[in-house]
Protein backbone atom coordinates (compact mmCIF):
# COMPACT_ATOMS: atom_id res chain seq x y z
CA UNK A 1 -22.22 -1.95 37.05
CA UNK A 2 -22.10 -5.59 35.08
CA UNK A 3 -25.69 -7.27 34.35
CA UNK A 4 -25.90 -10.59 35.50
CA UNK A 5 -25.89 -13.61 32.98
CA UNK A 6 -29.39 -16.01 33.05
CA UNK A 7 -28.85 -19.09 35.10
CA UNK A 8 -25.80 -17.78 37.49
CA UNK A 9 -28.04 -17.03 40.07
CA UNK A 10 -27.15 -13.50 40.16
CA UNK A 11 -23.45 -12.93 40.23
CA UNK A 12 -21.74 -10.68 38.37
CA UNK A 13 -20.36 -11.47 35.02
CA UNK A 14 -16.69 -11.55 34.97
CA UNK A 15 -16.75 -11.61 39.43
CA UNK A 16 -17.11 -15.78 39.74
CA UNK A 17 -14.18 -17.59 40.00
CA UNK A 18 -13.52 -20.12 37.59
CA UNK A 19 -12.91 -22.27 40.53
CA UNK A 20 -11.87 -22.35 43.87
CA UNK A 21 -7.89 -21.65 43.64
CA UNK A 22 -8.69 -18.79 42.19
CA UNK A 23 -10.33 -17.55 45.29
CA UNK A 24 -6.66 -17.62 47.19
CA UNK A 25 -3.27 -18.34 46.91
CA UNK A 26 -0.69 -19.22 49.47
CA UNK A 27 2.97 -19.15 49.16
CA UNK A 28 4.87 -20.90 51.69
CA UNK A 29 8.62 -20.33 50.41
CA UNK A 30 10.17 -17.82 52.32
CA UNK A 31 11.85 -15.26 49.29
CA UNK A 32 13.95 -14.14 52.79
CA UNK A 33 16.12 -16.54 55.30
CA UNK A 34 18.06 -15.39 58.25
CA UNK A 35 20.41 -17.15 60.61
CA UNK A 36 21.40 -15.31 63.62
CA UNK A 37 23.53 -16.05 66.24
CA UNK A 38 23.65 -14.07 69.59
CA UNK A 39 25.73 -13.43 72.67
CA UNK A 40 24.12 -11.95 75.54
CA UNK A 41 26.50 -10.52 78.36
CA UNK A 42 26.34 -8.26 80.58
CA UNK A 43 23.63 -6.19 79.47
CA UNK A 44 24.09 -6.14 76.10
CA UNK A 45 23.45 -8.61 72.68
CA UNK A 46 25.64 -9.04 69.93
CA UNK A 47 24.54 -10.69 66.72
CA UNK A 48 25.65 -11.88 63.85
CA UNK A 49 22.89 -12.31 60.77
CA UNK A 50 23.83 -14.18 57.56
CA UNK A 51 20.92 -13.12 55.66
CA UNK A 52 20.16 -15.00 52.31
CA UNK A 53 17.48 -12.81 49.50
CA UNK A 54 15.77 -13.86 46.35
CA UNK A 55 16.69 -17.65 46.04
CA UNK A 56 17.07 -17.11 41.89
CA UNK A 57 20.13 -14.60 42.48
CA UNK A 58 21.59 -16.05 45.42
CA UNK A 59 21.87 -12.57 47.10
CA UNK A 60 23.28 -12.61 50.29
CA UNK A 61 24.16 -10.16 53.86
CA UNK A 62 26.19 -10.32 56.62
CA UNK A 63 25.22 -8.15 59.74
CA UNK A 64 26.90 -7.99 63.02
CA UNK A 65 24.38 -6.40 65.63
CA UNK A 66 25.11 -4.63 69.31
CA UNK A 67 22.73 -3.56 71.40
CA UNK A 68 21.20 -3.25 74.50
CA UNK A 69 18.76 -6.16 76.06
CA UNK A 70 16.66 -3.16 78.28
CA UNK A 71 13.41 -3.59 77.49
CA UNK A 72 13.66 0.60 77.36
CA UNK A 73 16.67 0.07 74.97
CA UNK A 74 16.39 3.59 72.36
CA UNK A 75 19.20 2.30 70.21
CA UNK A 76 21.20 -0.61 68.06
CA UNK A 77 24.78 -0.32 66.38
CA UNK A 78 25.18 -2.33 63.16
CA UNK A 79 27.96 -3.16 60.99
CA UNK A 80 28.05 -4.59 57.99
CA UNK A 81 31.51 -5.71 56.71
CA UNK A 82 30.21 -6.77 53.25
CA UNK A 83 29.31 -3.15 52.50
CA UNK A 84 31.42 -1.84 54.81
CA UNK A 85 28.91 0.60 56.43
CA UNK A 86 28.54 1.14 60.04
CA UNK A 87 24.93 2.46 61.54
CA UNK A 88 23.68 3.68 64.42
CA UNK A 89 20.09 3.28 64.75
CA UNK A 90 17.25 3.96 67.24
CA UNK A 91 14.70 1.67 68.01
CA UNK A 92 11.38 2.05 66.11
CA UNK A 93 9.47 4.93 68.27
CA UNK A 94 5.83 4.92 68.11
CA UNK A 95 3.76 7.56 66.76
CA UNK A 96 0.39 6.36 66.37
CA UNK A 97 -1.09 2.55 66.61
CA UNK A 98 0.01 1.92 63.65
CA UNK A 99 3.10 4.05 62.30
CA UNK A 100 6.17 3.79 63.58
CA UNK A 101 9.64 5.77 63.11
CA UNK A 102 13.11 4.82 63.06
CA UNK A 103 16.04 7.36 62.67
CA UNK A 104 20.22 6.71 61.97
CA UNK A 105 23.39 8.12 61.65
CA UNK A 106 26.13 6.09 59.33
CA UNK A 107 29.58 5.96 57.69
CA UNK A 108 30.03 3.85 54.33
CA UNK A 109 33.63 3.32 54.25
CA UNK A 110 33.24 1.98 50.62
CA UNK A 111 32.26 5.91 49.66
CA UNK A 112 34.04 7.25 52.26
CA UNK A 113 30.51 9.58 53.22
CA UNK A 114 28.55 9.97 56.82
CA UNK A 115 25.18 10.35 56.12
CA UNK A 116 21.44 10.06 58.35
CA UNK A 117 18.53 8.20 57.26
CA UNK A 118 14.64 7.52 58.76
CA UNK A 119 12.07 5.12 57.40
CA UNK A 120 8.15 4.68 58.81
CA UNK A 121 6.95 1.89 58.80
CA UNK A 122 3.52 -0.11 59.71
CA UNK A 123 1.87 -3.81 60.01
CA UNK A 124 -0.50 -2.78 57.79
CA UNK A 125 0.78 -2.23 53.69
CA UNK A 126 -0.77 -1.35 50.41
CA UNK A 127 -4.01 0.88 50.90
CA UNK A 128 -4.13 0.28 54.50
CA UNK A 129 -6.72 -1.66 55.29
CA UNK A 130 -6.44 -4.90 52.09
CA UNK A 131 -3.20 -5.67 53.45
CA UNK A 132 -1.61 -7.51 56.82
CA UNK A 133 1.94 -8.05 57.27
CA UNK A 134 3.48 -9.29 60.62
CA UNK A 135 5.62 -11.28 62.67
CA UNK A 136 4.92 -14.50 64.40
CA UNK A 137 7.54 -16.31 66.64
CA UNK A 138 7.80 -19.89 67.73
CA UNK A 139 10.07 -20.51 70.81
CA UNK A 140 11.48 -23.86 69.80
CA UNK A 141 13.52 -24.94 72.86
CA UNK A 142 15.58 -22.37 75.45
CA UNK A 143 18.00 -20.80 73.34
CA UNK A 144 16.30 -21.41 69.72
CA UNK A 145 13.49 -19.53 67.96
CA UNK A 146 12.47 -18.96 64.89
CA UNK A 147 10.43 -16.22 63.57
CA UNK A 148 8.00 -16.17 60.91
CA UNK A 149 7.23 -13.06 59.00
CA UNK A 150 4.32 -13.24 56.89
CA UNK A 151 2.12 -11.10 54.64
CA UNK A 152 -2.07 -11.53 53.54
CA UNK A 153 -3.63 -9.33 51.24
CA UNK A 154 -7.04 -9.80 50.76
CA UNK A 155 -10.48 -8.59 49.27
CA UNK A 156 -13.43 -9.19 51.40
CA UNK A 157 -16.52 -11.04 50.54
CA UNK A 158 -19.21 -8.75 49.30
CA UNK A 159 -23.16 -8.76 48.28
CA UNK A 160 -25.35 -5.94 46.92
CA UNK A 161 -28.37 -5.91 44.47
CA UNK A 162 -30.65 -3.26 43.45
CA UNK A 163 -34.74 -3.08 42.65
CA UNK A 164 -36.32 -1.08 40.00
CA UNK A 165 -32.69 0.25 38.54
CA UNK A 166 -31.96 -2.02 35.94
CA UNK A 167 -29.51 -3.49 37.77
CA UNK A 168 -29.48 -7.09 38.88
CA UNK A 169 -31.14 -8.36 42.44
CA UNK A 170 -28.15 -10.11 43.76
CA UNK A 171 -24.59 -9.61 43.03
CA UNK A 172 -22.02 -11.23 45.00
CA UNK A 173 -18.22 -10.72 44.75
CA UNK A 174 -16.69 -13.79 46.37
CA UNK A 175 -12.99 -11.87 47.61
CA UNK A 176 -9.82 -12.91 47.48
CA UNK A 177 -6.93 -14.41 49.91
CA UNK A 178 -3.20 -14.22 48.59
CA UNK A 179 -1.10 -14.79 51.31
CA UNK A 180 2.86 -15.36 51.87
CA UNK A 181 5.69 -16.64 54.03
CA UNK A 182 8.01 -14.12 52.81
CA UNK A 183 10.90 -13.95 56.09
CA UNK A 184 12.08 -17.08 57.82
CA UNK A 185 14.61 -16.77 61.00
CA UNK A 186 16.44 -19.19 62.56
CA UNK A 187 17.48 -17.06 65.90
CA UNK A 188 20.07 -19.34 67.67
CA UNK A 189 21.00 -17.12 71.74
CA UNK A 190 23.55 -17.88 74.39
CA UNK A 191 23.20 -16.26 77.12
CA UNK A 192 26.00 -15.53 79.63
């Protein structure tokens, strides 16, 4: 524990921010931009996704997705024409309140190989306490939705102190917030 400097109100040395800008950082420029075109017909949704990553390097991916419209849909079929991959993926299976499992099987035409994959995912990230990831959907008008993927990393403020131990009576850590919009999806849906 560091001793407080005289005249700083008992705030630990090195923990006080030089200015308010060091307490928070909010990035509103997304690193991923998706355009999704969907057609709903006879209990299925066929989608074409155009996905742009990393504006500096202009990475691009296209996908065709077919999945049932039922609320209990258990699968989706994905074709990636640029990479030559075909996949059949399960829906995310909840293992706990915050932990999901997804499994799939696929074929790569480039590698002429069949394989399977799995993924554990959660809305909590980092150490499970200091980061939240989520998606927020906005229905702008019928058939057009905007989905925003965002992330917030935070350190909660902390106040502590001691008496008779040689440590400061009052110490404060102001906390930090780093938030960003990581992904924006424009979704155009046409129902039959």
